[in-house]
Amino acid sequence: MGRAKEADSCLTDPKIKEIAAAHNVSPAQVALRWGLQHGCAVIPKSMNNERMASNLDLFGFELTAEEMTKINDMNCNRRFNDPGHWCEIANNTFWPVFE
């Protein structure tokens, strides 16, 4: 979630913030919970202890079908964490994504 520019981040989107406020959780928790409710394994990363604890606290609320649809409709067909690009930066080596 932190790879996007602030203007592109779902964490600053008014819809996500509204849903977060309704559940008294953070926008990051909403995004992570959305992934869980889609049946995906979400693997958040943080070096901040408070955020690590918050990222694990996803089971005290559930997004409604309406909220899930609202988030689903935000799709912009963009990817912010391209492993092919990231591996070169992080490991100084090319890593083909589709091999």
PDB file of N, CA and C in Angstrom:
ATOM      1  N   MET A   1       0.824  -1.197   0.000  1.00  0.00           N
ATOM      2  CA  MET A   1       0.000   0.000   0.000  1.00  0.00           C
ATOM      3  C   MET A   1       0.863   1.254   0.000  1.00  0.00           C
ATOM      4  N   GLY A   2       2.053   1.145   0.541  1.00  0.00           N
ATOM      5  CA  GLY A   2       2.911   2.306   0.637  1.00  0.00           C
ATOM      6  C   GLY A   2       3.705   2.598  -0.611  1.00  0.00           C
ATOM      7  N   ARG A   3       3.595   1.768  -1.649  1.00  0.00           N
ATOM      8  CA  ARG A   3       4.361   1.975  -2.877  1.00  0.00           C
ATOM      9  C   ARG A   3       3.762   3.058  -3.761  1.00  0.00           C
ATOM     10  N   ALA A   4       2.484   3.313  -3.633  1.00  0.00           N
ATOM     11  CA  ALA A   4       1.814   4.307  -4.476  1.00  0.00           C
ATOM     12  C   ALA A   4       2.141   5.714  -4.005  1.00  0.00           C
ATOM     13  N   LYS A   5       2.080   6.655  -4.939  1.00  0.00           N
ATOM     14  CA  LYS A   5       2.189   8.066  -4.555  1.00  0.00           C
ATOM     15  C   LYS A   5       0.947   8.409  -3.748  1.00  0.00           C
ATOM     16  N   GLU A   6       1.050   9.398  -2.888  1.00  0.00           N
ATOM     17  CA  GLU A   6      -0.074   9.729  -2.006  1.00  0.00           C
ATOM     18  C   GLU A   6      -1.358   9.972  -2.790  1.00  0.00           C
ATOM     19  N   ALA A   7      -1.267  10.659  -3.919  1.00  0.00           N
ATOM     20  CA  ALA A   7      -2.461  10.957  -4.723  1.00  0.00           C
ATOM     21  C   ALA A   7      -3.081   9.689  -5.310  1.00  0.00           C
ATOM     22  N   ASP A   8      -2.294   8.613  -5.450  1.00  0.00           N
ATOM     23  CA  ASP A   8      -2.784   7.354  -6.017  1.00  0.00           C
ATOM     24  C   ASP A   8      -3.136   6.324  -4.956  1.00  0.00           C
ATOM     25  N   SER A   9      -2.819   6.578  -3.714  1.00  0.00           N
ATOM     26  CA  SER A   9      -2.990   5.600  -2.658  1.00  0.00           C
ATOM     27  C   SER A   9      -4.456   5.423  -2.276  1.00  0.00           C
ATOM     28  N   CYS A  10      -4.851   4.181  -2.111  1.00  0.00           N
ATOM     29  CA  CYS A  10      -6.210   3.915  -1.644  1.00  0.00           C
ATOM     30  C   CYS A  10      -6.400   4.395  -0.210  1.00  0.00           C
ATOM     31  N   LEU A  11      -5.302   4.572   0.508  1.00  0.00           N
ATOM     32  CA  LEU A  11      -5.388   4.983   1.909  1.00  0.00           C
ATOM     33  C   LEU A  11      -5.828   6.426   2.080  1.00  0.00           C
ATOM     34  N   THR A  12      -5.743   7.218   1.027  1.00  0.00           N
ATOM     35  CA  THR A  12      -6.180   8.612   1.102  1.00  0.00           C
ATOM     36  C   THR A  12      -7.503   8.834   0.372  1.00  0.00           C
ATOM     37  N   ASP A  13      -8.066   7.773  -0.174  1.00  0.00           N
ATOM     38  CA  ASP A  13      -9.324   7.887  -0.913  1.00  0.00           C
ATOM     39  C   ASP A  13     -10.478   8.162   0.052  1.00  0.00           C
ATOM     40  N   PRO A  14     -11.320   9.135  -0.266  1.00  0.00           N
ATOM     41  CA  PRO A  14     -12.449   9.469   0.617  1.00  0.00           C
ATOM     42  C   PRO A  14     -13.380   8.289   0.913  1.00  0.00           C
ATOM     43  N   LYS A  15     -13.589   7.395  -0.064  1.00  0.00           N
ATOM     44  CA  LYS A  15     -14.466   6.237   0.164  1.00  0.00           C
ATOM     45  C   LYS A  15     -13.871   5.308   1.225  1.00  0.00           C
ATOM     46  N   ILE A  16     -12.575   5.067   1.129  1.00  0.00           N
ATOM     47  CA  ILE A  16     -11.906   4.200   2.098  1.00  0.00           C
ATOM     48  C   ILE A  16     -11.921   4.847   3.474  1.00  0.00           C
ATOM     49  N   LYS A  17     -11.655   6.146   3.511  1.00  0.00           N
ATOM     50  CA  LYS A  17     -11.666   6.863   4.795  1.00  0.00           C
ATOM     51  C   LYS A  17     -13.056   6.823   5.433  1.00  0.00           C
ATOM     52  N   GLU A  18     -14.087   6.952   4.624  1.00  0.00           N
ATOM     53  CA  GLU A  18     -15.464   6.909   5.133  1.00  0.00           C
ATOM     54  C   GLU A  18     -15.777   5.532   5.720  1.00  0.00           C
ATOM     55  N   ILE A  19     -15.384   4.488   5.024  1.00  0.00           N
ATOM     56  CA  ILE A  19     -15.609   3.124   5.515  1.00  0.00           C
ATOM     57  C   ILE A  19     -14.817   2.893   6.796  1.00  0.00           C
ATOM     58  N   ALA A  20     -13.582   3.366   6.825  1.00  0.00           N
ATOM     59  CA  ALA A  20     -12.744   3.215   8.026  1.00  0.00           C
ATOM     60  C   ALA A  20     -13.384   3.906   9.223  1.00  0.00           C
ATOM     61  N   ALA A  21     -13.886   5.117   9.010  1.00  0.00           N
ATOM     62  CA  ALA A  21     -14.521   5.862  10.104  1.00  0.00           C
ATOM     63  C   ALA A  21     -15.759   5.130  10.614  1.00  0.00           C
ATOM     64  N   ALA A  22     -16.516   4.519   9.699  1.00  0.00           N
ATOM     65  CA  ALA A  22     -17.731   3.798  10.093  1.00  0.00           C
ATOM     66  C   ALA A  22     -17.417   2.597  10.985  1.00  0.00           C
ATOM     67  N   HIS A  23     -16.231   2.012  10.808  1.00  0.00           N
ATOM     68  CA  HIS A  23     -15.838   0.838  11.601  1.00  0.00           C
ATOM     69  C   HIS A  23     -14.844   1.185  12.707  1.00  0.00           C
ATOM     70  N   ASN A  24     -14.478   2.470  12.789  1.00  0.00           N
ATOM     71  CA  ASN A  24     -13.502   2.936  13.778  1.00  0.00           C
ATOM     72  C   ASN A  24     -12.165   2.194  13.639  1.00  0.00           C
ATOM     73  N   VAL A  25     -11.718   2.056  12.386  1.00  0.00           N
ATOM     74  CA  VAL A  25     -10.435   1.413  12.073  1.00  0.00           C
ATOM     75  C   VAL A  25      -9.673   2.326  11.106  1.00  0.00           C
ATOM     76  N   SER A  26      -8.467   1.955  10.772  1.00  0.00           N
ATOM     77  CA  SER A  26      -7.660   2.752   9.852  1.00  0.00           C
ATOM     78  C   SER A  26      -7.978   2.395   8.401  1.00  0.00           C
ATOM     79  N   PRO A  27      -7.678   3.299   7.472  1.00  0.00           N
ATOM     80  CA  PRO A  27      -7.851   2.966   6.051  1.00  0.00           C
ATOM     81  C   PRO A  27      -7.043   1.724   5.648  1.00  0.00           C
ATOM     82  N   ALA A  28      -5.864   1.550   6.218  1.00  0.00           N
ATOM     83  CA  ALA A  28      -5.061   0.363   5.907  1.00  0.00           C
ATOM     84  C   ALA A  28      -5.785  -0.909   6.344  1.00  0.00           C
ATOM     85  N   GLN A  29      -6.426  -0.865   7.509  1.00  0.00           N
ATOM     86  CA  GLN A  29      -7.172  -2.035   7.978  1.00  0.00           C
ATOM     87  C   GLN A  29      -8.330  -2.352   7.039  1.00  0.00           C
ATOM     88  N   VAL A  30      -8.972  -1.328   6.514  1.00  0.00           N
ATOM     89  CA  VAL A  30     -10.065  -1.540   5.554  1.00  0.00           C
ATOM     90  C   VAL A  30      -9.524  -2.233   4.305  1.00  0.00           C
ATOM     91  N   ALA A  31      -8.409  -1.742   3.772  1.00  0.00           N
ATOM     92  CA  ALA A  31      -7.834  -2.331   2.565  1.00  0.00           C
ATOM     93  C   ALA A  31      -7.412  -3.780   2.810  1.00  0.00           C
ATOM     94  N   LEU A  32      -6.803  -4.042   3.952  1.00  0.00           N
ATOM     95  CA  LEU A  32      -6.381  -5.401   4.265  1.00  0.00           C
ATOM     96  C   LEU A  32      -7.582  -6.323   4.482  1.00  0.00           C
ATOM     97  N   ARG A  33      -8.598  -5.824   5.175  1.00  0.00           N
ATOM     98  CA  ARG A  33      -9.808  -6.621   5.416  1.00  0.00           C
ATOM     99  C   ARG A  33     -10.506  -6.937   4.094  1.00  0.00           C
ATOM    100  N   TRP A  34     -10.523  -5.960   3.179  1.00  0.00           N
ATOM    101  CA  TRP A  34     -11.110  -6.169   1.847  1.00  0.00           C
ATOM    102  C   TRP A  34     -10.426  -7.356   1.166  1.00  0.00           C
ATOM    103  N   GLY A  35      -9.106  -7.412   1.232  1.00  0.00           N
ATOM    104  CA  GLY A  35      -8.378  -8.530   0.642  1.00  0.00           C
ATOM    105  C   GLY A  35      -8.733  -9.851   1.296  1.00  0.00           C
ATOM    106  N   LEU A  36      -8.812  -9.859   2.615  1.00  0.00           N
ATOM    107  CA  LEU A  36      -9.179 -11.081   3.340  1.00  0.00           C
ATOM    108  C   LEU A  36     -10.567 -11.568   2.945  1.00  0.00           C
ATOM    109  N   GLN A  37     -11.505 -10.640   2.852  1.00  0.00           N
ATOM    110  CA  GLN A  37     -12.873 -11.032   2.510  1.00  0.00           C
ATOM    111  C   GLN A  37     -12.998 -11.494   1.069  1.00  0.00           C
ATOM    112  N   HIS A  38     -12.007 -11.217   0.253  1.00  0.00           N
ATOM    113  CA  HIS A  38     -11.954 -11.758  -1.105  1.00  0.00           C
ATOM    114  C   HIS A  38     -11.261 -13.112  -1.121  1.00  0.00           C
ATOM    115  N   GLY A  39     -10.820 -13.582   0.045  1.00  0.00           N
ATOM    116  CA  GLY A  39     -10.164 -14.876   0.117  1.00  0.00           C
ATOM    117  C   GLY A  39      -8.689 -14.836  -0.231  1.00  0.00           C
ATOM    118  N   CYS A  40      -8.107 -13.654  -0.230  1.00  0.00           N
ATOM    119  CA  CYS A  40      -6.685 -13.511  -0.548  1.00  0.00           C
ATOM    120  C   CYS A  40      -5.845 -13.569   0.717  1.00  0.00           C
ATOM    121  N   ALA A  41      -4.631 -14.052   0.576  1.00  0.00           N
ATOM    122  CA  ALA A  41      -3.665 -13.984   1.676  1.00  0.00           C
ATOM    123  C   ALA A  41      -3.049 -12.593   1.624  1.00  0.00           C
ATOM    124  N   VAL A  42      -3.271 -11.805   2.634  1.00  0.00           N
ATOM    125  CA  VAL A  42      -2.687 -10.465   2.673  1.00  0.00           C
ATOM    126  C   VAL A  42      -1.436 -10.509   3.534  1.00  0.00           C
ATOM    127  N   ILE A  43      -0.380  -9.907   3.042  1.00  0.00           N
ATOM    128  CA  ILE A  43       0.897  -9.937   3.738  1.00  0.00           C
ATOM    129  C   ILE A  43       1.387  -8.499   3.888  1.00  0.00           C
ATOM    130  N   PRO A  44       0.920  -7.814   4.927  1.00  0.00           N
ATOM    131  CA  PRO A  44       1.360  -6.441   5.127  1.00  0.00           C
ATOM    132  C   PRO A  44       2.781  -6.390   5.671  1.00  0.00           C
ATOM    133  N   LYS A  45       3.455  -5.308   5.368  1.00  0.00           N
ATOM    134  CA  LYS A  45       4.823  -5.117   5.858  1.00  0.00           C
ATOM    135  C   LYS A  45       4.904  -3.740   6.490  1.00  0.00           C
ATOM    136  N   SER A  46       5.578  -3.674   7.608  1.00  0.00           N
ATOM    137  CA  SER A  46       5.817  -2.396   8.248  1.00  0.00           C
ATOM    138  C   SER A  46       6.992  -2.538   9.194  1.00  0.00           C
ATOM    139  N   MET A  47       7.707  -1.465   9.381  1.00  0.00           N
ATOM    140  CA  MET A  47       8.779  -1.424  10.370  1.00  0.00           C
ATOM    141  C   MET A  47       8.295  -0.717  11.636  1.00  0.00           C
ATOM    142  N   ASN A  48       7.060  -0.230  11.609  1.00  0.00           N
ATOM    143  CA  ASN A  48       6.472   0.520  12.706  1.00  0.00           C
ATOM    144  C   ASN A  48       5.657  -0.434  13.581  1.00  0.00           C
ATOM    145  N   ASN A  49       5.993  -0.534  14.868  1.00  0.00           N
ATOM    146  CA  ASN A  49       5.319  -1.487  15.760  1.00  0.00           C
ATOM    147  C   ASN A  49       3.819  -1.255  15.856  1.00  0.00           C
ATOM    148  N   GLU A  50       3.391   0.007  15.926  1.00  0.00           N
ATOM    149  CA  GLU A  50       1.953   0.301  16.010  1.00  0.00           C
ATOM    150  C   GLU A  50       1.231  -0.172  14.755  1.00  0.00           C
ATOM    151  N   ARG A  51       1.826   0.091  13.591  1.00  0.00           N
ATOM    152  CA  ARG A  51       1.201  -0.343  12.338  1.00  0.00           C
ATOM    153  C   ARG A  51       1.187  -1.857  12.221  1.00  0.00           C
ATOM    154  N   MET A  52       2.236  -2.516  12.690  1.00  0.00           N
ATOM    155  CA  MET A  52       2.257  -3.986  12.653  1.00  0.00           C
ATOM    156  C   MET A  52       1.093  -4.551  13.464  1.00  0.00           C
ATOM    157  N   ALA A  53       0.873  -4.006  14.653  1.00  0.00           N
ATOM    158  CA  ALA A  53      -0.235  -4.465  15.498  1.00  0.00           C
ATOM    159  C   ALA A  53      -1.574  -4.165  14.835  1.00  0.00           C
ATOM    160  N   SER A  54      -1.693  -2.979  14.268  1.00  0.00           N
ATOM    161  CA  SER A  54      -2.927  -2.585  13.590  1.00  0.00           C
ATOM    162  C   SER A  54      -3.199  -3.482  12.382  1.00  0.00           C
ATOM    163  N   ASN A  55      -2.143  -3.817  11.643  1.00  0.00           N
ATOM    164  CA  ASN A  55      -2.297  -4.673  10.460  1.00  0.00           C
ATOM    165  C   ASN A  55      -2.775  -6.076  10.815  1.00  0.00           C
ATOM    166  N   LEU A  56      -2.520  -6.505  12.031  1.00  0.00           N
ATOM    167  CA  LEU A  56      -2.970  -7.829  12.471  1.00  0.00           C
ATOM    168  C   LEU A  56      -4.383  -7.807  13.040  1.00  0.00           C
ATOM    169  N   ASP A  57      -4.866  -6.636  13.389  1.00  0.00           N
ATOM    170  CA  ASP A  57      -6.170  -6.483  14.043  1.00  0.00           C
ATOM    171  C   ASP A  57      -7.266  -6.315  12.990  1.00  0.00           C
ATOM    172  N   LEU A  58      -7.541  -7.395  12.268  1.00  0.00           N
ATOM    173  CA  LEU A  58      -8.490  -7.329  11.146  1.00  0.00           C
ATOM    174  C   LEU A  58      -9.751  -8.148  11.366  1.00  0.00           C
ATOM    175  N   PHE A  59      -9.874  -8.761  12.513  1.00  0.00           N
ATOM    176  CA  PHE A  59     -10.980  -9.700  12.708  1.00  0.00           C
ATOM    177  C   PHE A  59     -12.068  -9.192  13.645  1.00  0.00           C
ATOM    178  N   GLY A  60     -11.947  -7.936  14.075  1.00  0.00           N
ATOM    179  CA  GLY A  60     -12.962  -7.354  14.946  1.00  0.00           C
ATOM    180  C   GLY A  60     -14.049  -6.611  14.179  1.00  0.00           C
ATOM    181  N   PHE A  61     -13.961  -6.644  12.856  1.00  0.00           N
ATOM    182  CA  PHE A  61     -14.984  -5.994  12.033  1.00  0.00           C
ATOM    183  C   PHE A  61     -15.077  -6.738  10.709  1.00  0.00           C
ATOM    184  N   GLU A  62     -16.187  -6.530  10.017  1.00  0.00           N
ATOM    185  CA  GLU A  62     -16.397  -7.132   8.700  1.00  0.00           C
ATOM    186  C   GLU A  62     -17.004  -6.080   7.791  1.00  0.00           C
ATOM    187  N   LEU A  63     -16.507  -6.018   6.575  1.00  0.00           N
ATOM    188  CA  LEU A  63     -17.065  -5.080   5.603  1.00  0.00           C
ATOM    189  C   LEU A  63     -18.387  -5.622   5.085  1.00  0.00           C
ATOM    190  N   THR A  64     -19.352  -4.726   4.902  1.00  0.00           N
ATOM    191  CA  THR A  64     -20.649  -5.131   4.375  1.00  0.00           C
ATOM    192  C   THR A  64     -20.524  -5.395   2.867  1.00  0.00           C
ATOM    193  N   ALA A  65     -21.514  -6.059   2.311  1.00  0.00           N
ATOM    194  CA  ALA A  65     -21.529  -6.305   0.864  1.00  0.00           C
ATOM    195  C   ALA A  65     -21.483  -4.979   0.100  1.00  0.00           C
ATOM    196  N   GLU A  66     -22.189  -3.979   0.605  1.00  0.00           N
ATOM    197  CA  GLU A  66     -22.196  -2.657  -0.034  1.00  0.00           C
ATOM    198  C   GLU A  66     -20.808  -2.020   0.012  1.00  0.00           C
ATOM    199  N   GLU A  67     -20.132  -2.144   1.145  1.00  0.00           N
ATOM    200  CA  GLU A  67     -18.781  -1.591   1.264  1.00  0.00           C
ATOM    201  C   GLU A  67     -17.804  -2.323   0.354  1.00  0.00           C
ATOM    202  N   MET A  68     -17.935  -3.640   0.272  1.00  0.00           N
ATOM    203  CA  MET A  68     -17.075  -4.415  -0.619  1.00  0.00           C
ATOM    204  C   MET A  68     -17.275  -3.973  -2.073  1.00  0.00           C
ATOM    205  N   THR A  69     -18.510  -3.780  -2.468  1.00  0.00           N
ATOM    206  CA  THR A  69     -18.801  -3.335  -3.829  1.00  0.00           C
ATOM    207  C   THR A  69     -18.236  -1.949  -4.080  1.00  0.00           C
ATOM    208  N   LYS A  70     -18.376  -1.068  -3.108  1.00  0.00           N
ATOM    209  CA  LYS A  70     -17.856   0.285  -3.232  1.00  0.00           C
ATOM    210  C   LYS A  70     -16.339   0.256  -3.475  1.00  0.00           C
ATOM    211  N   ILE A  71     -15.647  -0.601  -2.753  1.00  0.00           N
ATOM    212  CA  ILE A  71     -14.190  -0.719  -2.926  1.00  0.00           C
ATOM    213  C   ILE A  71     -13.869  -1.410  -4.247  1.00  0.00           C
ATOM    214  N   ASN A  72     -14.593  -2.467  -4.576  1.00  0.00           N
ATOM    215  CA  ASN A  72     -14.378  -3.156  -5.853  1.00  0.00           C
ATOM    216  C   ASN A  72     -14.495  -2.190  -7.031  1.00  0.00           C
ATOM    217  N   ASP A  73     -15.434  -1.282  -6.956  1.00  0.00           N
ATOM    218  CA  ASP A  73     -15.678  -0.334  -8.042  1.00  0.00           C
ATOM    219  C   ASP A  73     -14.584   0.714  -8.182  1.00  0.00           C
ATOM    220  N   MET A  74     -13.636   0.733  -7.257  1.00  0.00           N
ATOM    221  CA  MET A  74     -12.530   1.685  -7.324  1.00  0.00           C
ATOM    222  C   MET A  74     -11.425   1.212  -8.265  1.00  0.00           C
ATOM    223  N   ASN A  75     -11.527   0.019  -8.831  1.00  0.00           N
ATOM    224  CA  ASN A  75     -10.473  -0.544  -9.670  1.00  0.00           C
ATOM    225  C   ASN A  75     -10.055   0.427 -10.768  1.00  0.00           C
ATOM    226  N   CYS A  76      -8.747   0.666 -10.849  1.00  0.00           N
ATOM    227  CA  CYS A  76      -8.176   1.539 -11.893  1.00  0.00           C
ATOM    228  C   CYS A  76      -7.220   0.763 -12.783  1.00  0.00           C
ATOM    229  N   ASN A  77      -7.170  -0.570 -12.626  1.00  0.00           N
ATOM    230  CA  ASN A  77      -6.275  -1.422 -13.410  1.00  0.00           C
ATOM    231  C   ASN A  77      -4.830  -0.968 -13.325  1.00  0.00           C
ATOM    232  N   ARG A  78      -4.383  -0.651 -12.125  1.00  0.00           N
ATOM    233  CA  ARG A  78      -2.987  -0.265 -11.900  1.00  0.00           C
ATOM    234  C   ARG A  78      -2.374  -1.190 -10.871  1.00  0.00           C
ATOM    235  N   ARG A  79      -1.079  -1.352 -10.978  1.00  0.00           N
ATOM    236  CA  ARG A  79      -0.336  -2.164 -10.020  1.00  0.00           C
ATOM    237  C   ARG A  79       0.812  -1.306  -9.507  1.00  0.00           C
ATOM    238  N   PHE A  80       0.985  -1.242  -8.207  1.00  0.00           N
ATOM    239  CA  PHE A  80       2.000  -0.384  -7.619  1.00  0.00           C
ATOM    240  C   PHE A  80       3.200  -1.163  -7.088  1.00  0.00           C
ATOM    241  N   ASN A  81       3.107  -2.456  -7.050  1.00  0.00           N
ATOM    242  CA  ASN A  81       4.210  -3.256  -6.536  1.00  0.00           C
ATOM    243  C   ASN A  81       4.563  -4.299  -7.581  1.00  0.00           C
ATOM    244  N   ASP A  82       5.274  -3.883  -8.623  1.00  0.00           N
ATOM    245  CA  ASP A  82       5.669  -4.767  -9.702  1.00  0.00           C
ATOM    246  C   ASP A  82       6.932  -5.519  -9.273  1.00  0.00           C
ATOM    247  N   PRO A  83       6.835  -6.820  -9.005  1.00  0.00           N
ATOM    248  CA  PRO A  83       8.003  -7.563  -8.537  1.00  0.00           C
ATOM    249  C   PRO A  83       9.194  -7.476  -9.485  1.00  0.00           C
ATOM    250  N   GLY A  84       8.931  -7.416 -10.788  1.00  0.00           N
ATOM    251  CA  GLY A  84      10.023  -7.310 -11.741  1.00  0.00           C
ATOM    252  C   GLY A  84      10.823  -6.039 -11.540  1.00  0.00           C
ATOM    253  N   HIS A  85      10.141  -4.952 -11.281  1.00  0.00           N
ATOM    254  CA  HIS A  85      10.794  -3.665 -11.041  1.00  0.00           C
ATOM    255  C   HIS A  85      11.409  -3.618  -9.645  1.00  0.00           C
ATOM    256  N   TRP A  86      10.660  -4.075  -8.659  1.00  0.00           N
ATOM    257  CA  TRP A  86      11.100  -4.003  -7.270  1.00  0.00           C
ATOM    258  C   TRP A  86      12.347  -4.842  -7.021  1.00  0.00           C
ATOM    259  N   CYS A  87      12.424  -6.030  -7.604  1.00  0.00           N
ATOM    260  CA  CYS A  87      13.584  -6.898  -7.374  1.00  0.00           C
ATOM    261  C   CYS A  87      14.871  -6.260  -7.875  1.00  0.00           C
ATOM    262  N   GLU A  88      14.813  -5.562  -8.985  1.00  0.00           N
ATOM    263  CA  GLU A  88      16.017  -4.893  -9.481  1.00  0.00           C
ATOM    264  C   GLU A  88      16.477  -3.830  -8.492  1.00  0.00           C
ATOM    265  N   ILE A  89      15.546  -3.081  -7.949  1.00  0.00           N
ATOM    266  CA  ILE A  89      15.896  -2.027  -6.993  1.00  0.00           C
ATOM    267  C   ILE A  89      16.408  -2.630  -5.679  1.00  0.00           C
ATOM    268  N   ALA A  90      15.686  -3.602  -5.154  1.00  0.00           N
ATOM    269  CA  ALA A  90      16.014  -4.155  -3.840  1.00  0.00           C
ATOM    270  C   ALA A  90      17.219  -5.092  -3.864  1.00  0.00           C
ATOM    271  N   ASN A  91      17.340  -5.893  -4.930  1.00  0.00           N
ATOM    272  CA  ASN A  91      18.365  -6.935  -4.949  1.00  0.00           C
ATOM    273  C   ASN A  91      19.432  -6.733  -6.022  1.00  0.00           C
ATOM    274  N   ASN A  92      19.312  -5.639  -6.753  1.00  0.00           N
ATOM    275  CA  ASN A  92      20.263  -5.333  -7.814  1.00  0.00           C
ATOM    276  C   ASN A  92      20.369  -6.478  -8.823  1.00  0.00           C
ATOM    277  N   THR A  93      19.231  -7.111  -9.090  1.00  0.00           N
ATOM    278  CA  THR A  93      19.197  -8.187 -10.061  1.00  0.00           C
ATOM    279  C   THR A  93      17.835  -8.238 -10.728  1.00  0.00           C
ATOM    280  N   PHE A  94      17.793  -8.638 -11.981  1.00  0.00           N
ATOM    281  CA  PHE A  94      16.527  -8.785 -12.697  1.00  0.00           C
ATOM    282  C   PHE A  94      15.843 -10.056 -12.236  1.00  0.00           C
ATOM    283  N   TRP A  95      14.543  -9.995 -12.034  1.00  0.00           N
ATOM    284  CA  TRP A  95      13.762 -11.163 -11.639  1.00  0.00           C
ATOM    285  C   TRP A  95      12.530 -11.230 -12.521  1.00  0.00           C
ATOM    286  N   PRO A  96      12.506 -12.131 -13.484  1.00  0.00           N
ATOM    287  CA  PRO A  96      11.358 -12.195 -14.391  1.00  0.00           C
ATOM    288  C   PRO A  96      10.087 -12.590 -13.659  1.00  0.00           C
ATOM    289  N   VAL A  97       9.057 -11.821 -13.842  1.00  0.00           N
ATOM    290  CA  VAL A  97       7.801 -12.031 -13.124  1.00  0.00           C
ATOM    291  C   VAL A  97       7.078 -13.275 -13.614  1.00  0.00           C
ATOM    292  N   PHE A  98       7.146 -13.567 -14.880  1.00  0.00           N
ATOM    293  CA  PHE A  98       6.324 -14.641 -15.458  1.00  0.00           C
ATOM    294  C   PHE A  98       7.090 -15.928 -15.732  1.00  0.00           C
ATOM    295  N   GLU A  99       8.219 -16.122 -15.104  1.00  0.00           N
ATOM    296  CA  GLU A  99       8.952 -17.389 -15.304  1.00  0.00           C
ATOM    297  C   GLU A  99       8.832 -18.261 -14.091  1.00  0.00           C
TER     298      GLU A  99
END
